[in-house]
């Protein structure tokens, strides 16, 4: 049997100039640094709900995770579902836990220089929606109610070094500030009373879930809101975004935006004249 000669480290052939150059050219590009995001979220019950007997609680929920791994979650419980305020709260807090637990999976796709494949992107987008459905089913079972009583819309935005993943079920609005310009992300949602809004419930189909990515380069602000807040912050038909949203992002960037400022905006009667009186939810994040 022929002996195999094993080279020691000293006997290994020295790499040539061409080998070193090839290794240099194929080395992965360094990842961009993680930005530090700041912001907050707030909700307020709408006057329409307070006029009912008995008054309805706020059916919107909103949450932000600041820092180098930013996350935005907004859920708007269906007005026709009596327990949807429980459903929206369960979604934002339960999905925060899920996405933080699976943070490495999302970081691998959102930090890498090259975008994820369409298949992987769909998998990452549908995973929280499927988990959210499970959260509502478990909650409904514990309350001895049908899942439809808890149904809610959902907006999620997950940040990474190279790109953000966004997910939306139903109405509301997602806005980004990039290169100093405010722009809407995704198609305009429809109102519940037009019977065209999708909810996280047992009727939801994968094709009803909107999702995509946007670049982190030049990104300085991200905001998500329920349709009640969008009445004064976004013109869905014209894709126009109110400058007030840019002001909130600037305040967040300076570390000066808190729930008090958002509540004062929500409670300003002059701002909300001739609106539907719906609940309002807004989550804002910004970075330098």
Protein backbone atom coordinates (compact mmCIF):
# COMPACT_ATOMS: atom_id res chain seq x y z
CA UNK A 1 0.00 0.00 0.00
CA UNK A 2 1.33 3.39 -0.97
CA UNK A 3 2.12 5.64 1.96
CA UNK A 4 0.54 9.07 2.04
CA UNK A 5 3.06 11.74 2.89
CA UNK A 6 1.60 14.17 5.43
CA UNK A 7 3.10 17.64 5.41
CA UNK A 8 3.84 19.41 8.66
CA UNK A 9 3.14 23.10 9.05
CA UNK A 10 6.78 23.88 8.24
CA UNK A 11 6.65 21.71 5.14
CA UNK A 12 3.45 23.27 3.75
CA UNK A 13 4.12 25.11 0.47
CA UNK A 14 4.22 28.88 0.83
CA UNK A 15 1.29 30.64 -0.87
CA UNK A 16 2.20 32.42 -4.08
CA UNK A 17 1.44 36.07 -4.80
CA UNK A 18 -1.42 34.98 -7.09
CA UNK A 19 -2.93 32.75 -4.37
CA UNK A 20 -2.80 35.58 -1.83
CA UNK A 21 -4.36 38.00 -4.31
CA UNK A 22 -7.17 35.57 -5.12
CA UNK A 23 -7.94 35.08 -1.42
CA UNK A 24 -8.02 38.87 -1.00
CA UNK A 25 -10.46 39.31 -3.86
CA UNK A 26 -12.84 36.61 -2.63
CA UNK A 27 -12.86 37.68 1.03
CA UNK A 28 -16.33 38.81 2.18
CA UNK A 29 -16.84 42.55 2.47
CA UNK A 30 -16.88 43.82 6.07
CA UNK A 31 -20.34 44.35 7.52
CA UNK A 32 -21.47 47.96 8.06
CA UNK A 33 -21.56 49.02 11.72
CA UNK A 34 -24.72 48.62 13.76
CA UNK A 35 -26.60 51.89 14.21
CA UNK A 36 -28.01 52.87 17.59
CA UNK A 37 -31.78 53.43 17.32
CA UNK A 38 -33.91 55.45 19.71
CA UNK A 39 -37.65 56.00 19.93
CA UNK A 40 -40.89 55.10 21.63
CA UNK A 41 -44.48 54.02 21.04
CA UNK A 42 -47.86 55.17 22.35
CA UNK A 43 -51.56 54.45 21.96
CA UNK A 44 -54.74 56.34 22.83
CA UNK A 45 -58.37 55.22 22.87
CA UNK A 46 -60.48 57.04 20.29
CA UNK A 47 -63.49 59.21 21.09
CA UNK A 48 -65.73 56.90 19.06
CA UNK A 49 -64.99 54.06 21.45
CA UNK A 50 -65.51 56.22 24.52
CA UNK A 51 -69.00 57.20 23.35
CA UNK A 52 -70.18 53.61 23.29
CA UNK A 53 -72.02 52.05 26.21
CA UNK A 54 -70.18 50.54 27.87
CA UNK A 55 -67.07 52.39 26.62
CA UNK A 56 -64.62 50.23 24.68
CA UNK A 57 -60.95 50.00 25.67
CA UNK A 58 -58.21 50.96 23.24
CA UNK A 59 -57.89 48.14 20.71
CA UNK A 60 -54.49 49.30 19.37
CA UNK A 61 -51.12 48.16 20.68
CA UNK A 62 -47.63 49.38 19.80
CA UNK A 63 -44.11 48.57 20.91
CA UNK A 64 -40.54 49.47 19.94
CA UNK A 65 -37.22 47.85 20.77
CA UNK A 66 -34.44 50.44 20.60
CA UNK A 67 -30.69 49.89 20.45
CA UNK A 68 -28.56 48.16 17.81
CA UNK A 69 -31.20 45.51 16.99
CA UNK A 70 -34.30 47.66 16.41
CA UNK A 71 -37.83 46.33 16.15
CA UNK A 72 -41.25 47.94 15.62
CA UNK A 73 -44.61 46.25 16.23
CA UNK A 74 -48.08 47.76 15.81
CA UNK A 75 -51.38 45.86 16.03
CA UNK A 76 -54.92 47.20 15.56
CA UNK A 77 -57.71 45.05 16.96
CA UNK A 78 -60.83 44.74 14.82
CA UNK A 79 -63.53 47.12 16.01
CA UNK A 80 -66.19 44.45 15.52
CA UNK A 81 -64.31 41.93 17.70
CA UNK A 82 -65.16 42.47 21.37
CA UNK A 83 -61.91 41.06 22.74
CA UNK A 84 -59.52 42.35 20.09
CA UNK A 85 -57.75 44.59 22.60
CA UNK A 86 -56.47 41.38 24.20
CA UNK A 87 -55.48 40.06 20.78
CA UNK A 88 -53.48 43.12 19.75
CA UNK A 89 -51.58 43.16 23.06
CA UNK A 90 -50.85 39.44 22.79
CA UNK A 91 -49.47 39.93 19.29
CA UNK A 92 -47.03 42.74 20.01
CA UNK A 93 -45.62 41.27 23.21
CA UNK A 94 -45.64 37.65 22.07
CA UNK A 95 -43.98 38.45 18.74
CA UNK A 96 -41.36 40.59 20.41
CA UNK A 97 -40.32 37.53 22.42
CA UNK A 98 -40.33 35.33 19.34
CA UNK A 99 -38.23 37.71 17.24
CA UNK A 100 -35.72 38.32 20.02
CA UNK A 101 -35.40 34.55 20.55
CA UNK A 102 -34.84 34.00 16.83
CA UNK A 103 -32.62 37.05 16.53
CA UNK A 104 -29.67 35.16 15.08
CA UNK A 105 -31.81 33.78 12.23
CA UNK A 106 -32.98 37.24 11.25
CA UNK A 107 -29.56 38.83 11.74
CA UNK A 108 -28.01 36.32 9.34
CA UNK A 109 -30.39 37.42 6.59
CA UNK A 110 -30.54 41.14 7.37
CA UNK A 111 -26.86 41.76 8.10
CA UNK A 112 -25.36 39.94 5.12
CA UNK A 113 -24.18 42.05 2.16
CA UNK A 114 -26.20 39.94 -0.29
CA UNK A 115 -30.01 39.84 0.05
CA UNK A 116 -31.69 36.59 1.13
CA UNK A 117 -33.33 34.35 -1.44
CA UNK A 118 -37.04 34.85 -2.16
CA UNK A 119 -37.77 31.53 -0.45
CA UNK A 120 -35.90 32.46 2.73
CA UNK A 121 -37.45 35.92 2.78
CA UNK A 122 -40.94 34.46 2.59
CA UNK A 123 -40.11 31.98 5.35
CA UNK A 124 -38.83 34.74 7.64
CA UNK A 125 -41.89 36.90 6.93
CA UNK A 126 -44.54 34.21 7.41
CA UNK A 127 -42.99 32.78 10.59
CA UNK A 128 -44.16 35.59 12.93
CA UNK A 129 -47.59 35.66 11.28
CA UNK A 130 -48.02 31.94 11.84
CA UNK A 131 -46.80 32.28 15.41
CA UNK A 132 -49.18 35.20 15.93
CA UNK A 133 -52.08 33.04 14.81
CA UNK A 134 -51.04 30.45 17.37
CA UNK A 135 -50.88 33.10 20.09
CA UNK A 136 -54.47 34.17 19.35
CA UNK A 137 -55.71 30.57 19.21
CA UNK A 138 -54.15 29.79 22.60
CA UNK A 139 -55.53 32.98 24.12
CA UNK A 140 -59.00 32.29 22.71
CA UNK A 141 -58.95 28.80 24.21
CA UNK A 142 -57.98 30.18 27.63
CA UNK A 143 -60.82 32.74 27.44
CA UNK A 144 -63.33 30.18 26.10
CA UNK A 145 -64.03 32.30 23.02
CA UNK A 146 -63.66 31.98 19.29
CA UNK A 147 -60.39 33.22 17.77
CA UNK A 148 -62.36 35.68 15.62
CA UNK A 149 -63.12 37.68 18.78
CA UNK A 150 -59.40 38.49 19.05
CA UNK A 151 -58.51 39.25 15.44
CA UNK A 152 -56.12 42.10 14.70
CA UNK A 153 -54.03 43.70 11.99
CA UNK A 154 -50.24 43.68 12.31
CA UNK A 155 -47.22 45.70 11.16
CA UNK A 156 -43.68 44.53 11.91
CA UNK A 157 -40.31 46.06 10.95
CA UNK A 158 -37.06 44.30 11.92
CA UNK A 159 -33.72 46.09 11.48
CA UNK A 160 -30.36 44.78 10.32
CA UNK A 161 -27.00 46.12 9.19
CA UNK A 162 -27.73 45.84 5.45
CA UNK A 163 -31.53 45.82 5.26
CA UNK A 164 -34.81 45.81 7.17
CA UNK A 165 -37.57 43.23 6.82
CA UNK A 166 -41.13 44.54 6.96
CA UNK A 167 -44.34 42.53 7.34
CA UNK A 168 -47.93 43.73 7.21
CA UNK A 169 -51.34 42.13 7.60
CA UNK A 170 -54.24 44.53 7.02
CA UNK A 171 -54.33 48.31 7.14
CA UNK A 172 -52.25 50.94 8.88
CA UNK A 173 -49.10 52.54 7.48
CA UNK A 174 -45.34 52.02 7.53
CA UNK A 175 -43.13 55.04 6.77
CA UNK A 176 -39.35 55.33 6.46
CA UNK A 177 -37.01 58.31 6.33
CA UNK A 178 -34.18 57.64 3.88
CA UNK A 179 -31.73 60.16 2.49
CA UNK A 180 -33.81 62.85 4.19
CA UNK A 181 -37.05 61.87 2.42
CA UNK A 182 -40.19 60.37 3.97
CA UNK A 183 -41.84 57.57 2.02
CA UNK A 184 -44.57 54.98 2.46
CA UNK A 185 -43.70 51.29 2.33
CA UNK A 186 -46.18 48.78 0.92
CA UNK A 187 -49.60 49.17 -0.66
CA UNK A 188 -52.31 51.15 1.10
CA UNK A 189 -54.51 49.10 3.39
CA UNK A 190 -58.28 49.23 3.29
CA UNK A 191 -60.64 50.12 6.10
CA UNK A 192 -62.44 47.44 8.06
CA UNK A 193 -65.87 48.75 7.07
CA UNK A 194 -65.05 48.31 3.38
CA UNK A 195 -64.75 44.60 4.25
CA UNK A 196 -61.33 44.54 2.64
CA UNK A 197 -58.98 44.62 5.59
CA UNK A 198 -57.13 41.41 6.40
CA UNK A 199 -56.68 40.30 9.98
CA UNK A 200 -54.64 37.68 11.74
CA UNK A 201 -57.39 35.13 12.13
CA UNK A 202 -58.27 31.71 10.81
CA UNK A 203 -59.35 33.14 7.44
CA UNK A 204 -55.91 34.58 6.68
CA UNK A 205 -54.05 33.14 3.67
CA UNK A 206 -50.30 33.44 2.93
CA UNK A 207 -51.04 35.64 -0.10
CA UNK A 208 -52.75 38.14 2.22
CA UNK A 209 -49.45 38.89 3.97
CA UNK A 210 -47.44 41.79 2.53
CA UNK A 211 -43.69 41.74 3.13
CA UNK A 212 -40.43 42.98 1.68
CA UNK A 213 -37.10 44.60 2.51
CA UNK A 214 -35.65 48.10 2.31
CA UNK A 215 -31.99 49.11 2.49
CA UNK A 216 -30.36 50.25 5.70
CA UNK A 217 -28.04 52.60 3.75
CA UNK A 218 -29.15 56.19 4.28
CA UNK A 219 -31.97 55.10 6.59
CA UNK A 220 -32.54 57.47 9.50
CA UNK A 221 -36.13 56.81 10.64
CA UNK A 222 -38.87 54.16 10.70
CA UNK A 223 -42.46 54.59 11.92
CA UNK A 224 -45.50 52.34 11.99
CA UNK A 225 -49.05 53.36 12.86
CA UNK A 226 -52.62 52.13 12.99
CA UNK A 227 -55.13 53.54 10.51
CA UNK A 228 -56.52 55.82 13.25
CA UNK A 229 -53.15 57.59 13.59
CA UNK A 230 -52.62 57.54 9.82
CA UNK A 231 -55.67 59.77 9.39
CA UNK A 232 -53.50 62.77 10.30
CA UNK A 233 -50.03 61.52 9.46
CA UNK A 234 -50.43 59.90 6.03
CA UNK A 235 -52.56 60.47 2.94
CA UNK A 236 -52.80 56.90 1.68
CA UNK A 237 -54.37 57.83 -1.64
CA UNK A 238 -51.59 60.25 -2.60
CA UNK A 239 -48.70 58.62 -0.69
CA UNK A 240 -48.14 61.95 1.09
CA UNK A 241 -46.61 61.89 4.58
CA UNK A 242 -47.15 64.69 7.08
CA UNK A 243 -44.05 66.64 8.09
CA UNK A 244 -45.07 66.08 11.74
CA UNK A 245 -43.81 62.52 11.41
CA UNK A 246 -40.38 63.80 10.39
CA UNK A 247 -40.42 66.05 13.46
CA UNK A 248 -41.11 63.06 15.69
CA UNK A 249 -38.17 61.22 14.10
CA UNK A 250 -35.92 64.23 14.69
CA UNK A 251 -36.98 64.33 18.35
CA UNK A 252 -36.31 60.59 18.68
CA UNK A 253 -32.88 61.06 17.09
CA UNK A 254 -32.06 63.67 19.74
CA UNK A 255 -33.36 61.46 22.55
CA UNK A 256 -36.22 63.91 23.20
CA UNK A 257 -39.25 61.86 22.13
CA UNK A 258 -41.25 60.14 24.86
CA UNK A 259 -44.74 58.80 25.32
CA UNK A 260 -45.78 62.17 26.76
CA UNK A 261 -45.12 63.96 23.46
CA UNK A 262 -47.05 61.33 21.49
CA UNK A 263 -49.97 61.42 23.94
CA UNK A 264 -50.14 65.21 23.71
CA UNK A 265 -50.31 64.91 19.93
CA UNK A 266 -53.02 62.24 20.12
CA UNK A 267 -55.06 64.29 22.59
CA UNK A 268 -54.90 67.59 20.66
CA UNK A 269 -58.53 68.21 19.71
CA UNK A 270 -57.53 70.69 17.01
CA UNK A 271 -55.44 68.06 15.23
CA UNK A 272 -58.14 65.39 15.25
CA UNK A 273 -61.17 67.43 14.19
CA UNK A 274 -63.20 65.80 11.42
CA UNK A 275 -61.60 62.40 11.86
CA UNK A 276 -63.36 59.12 12.60
CA UNK A 277 -62.46 59.13 16.30
CA UNK A 278 -60.72 55.78 15.96
CA UNK A 279 -58.03 54.50 18.33
CA UNK A 280 -54.50 55.73 17.59
CA UNK A 281 -51.19 53.90 17.77
CA UNK A 282 -47.78 55.16 16.67
CA UNK A 283 -44.30 53.68 17.02
CA UNK A 284 -41.25 55.74 16.00
CA UNK A 285 -37.56 54.87 15.78
CA UNK A 286 -34.69 57.04 14.51
CA UNK A 287 -30.91 56.91 14.31
CA UNK A 288 -28.20 59.46 13.59
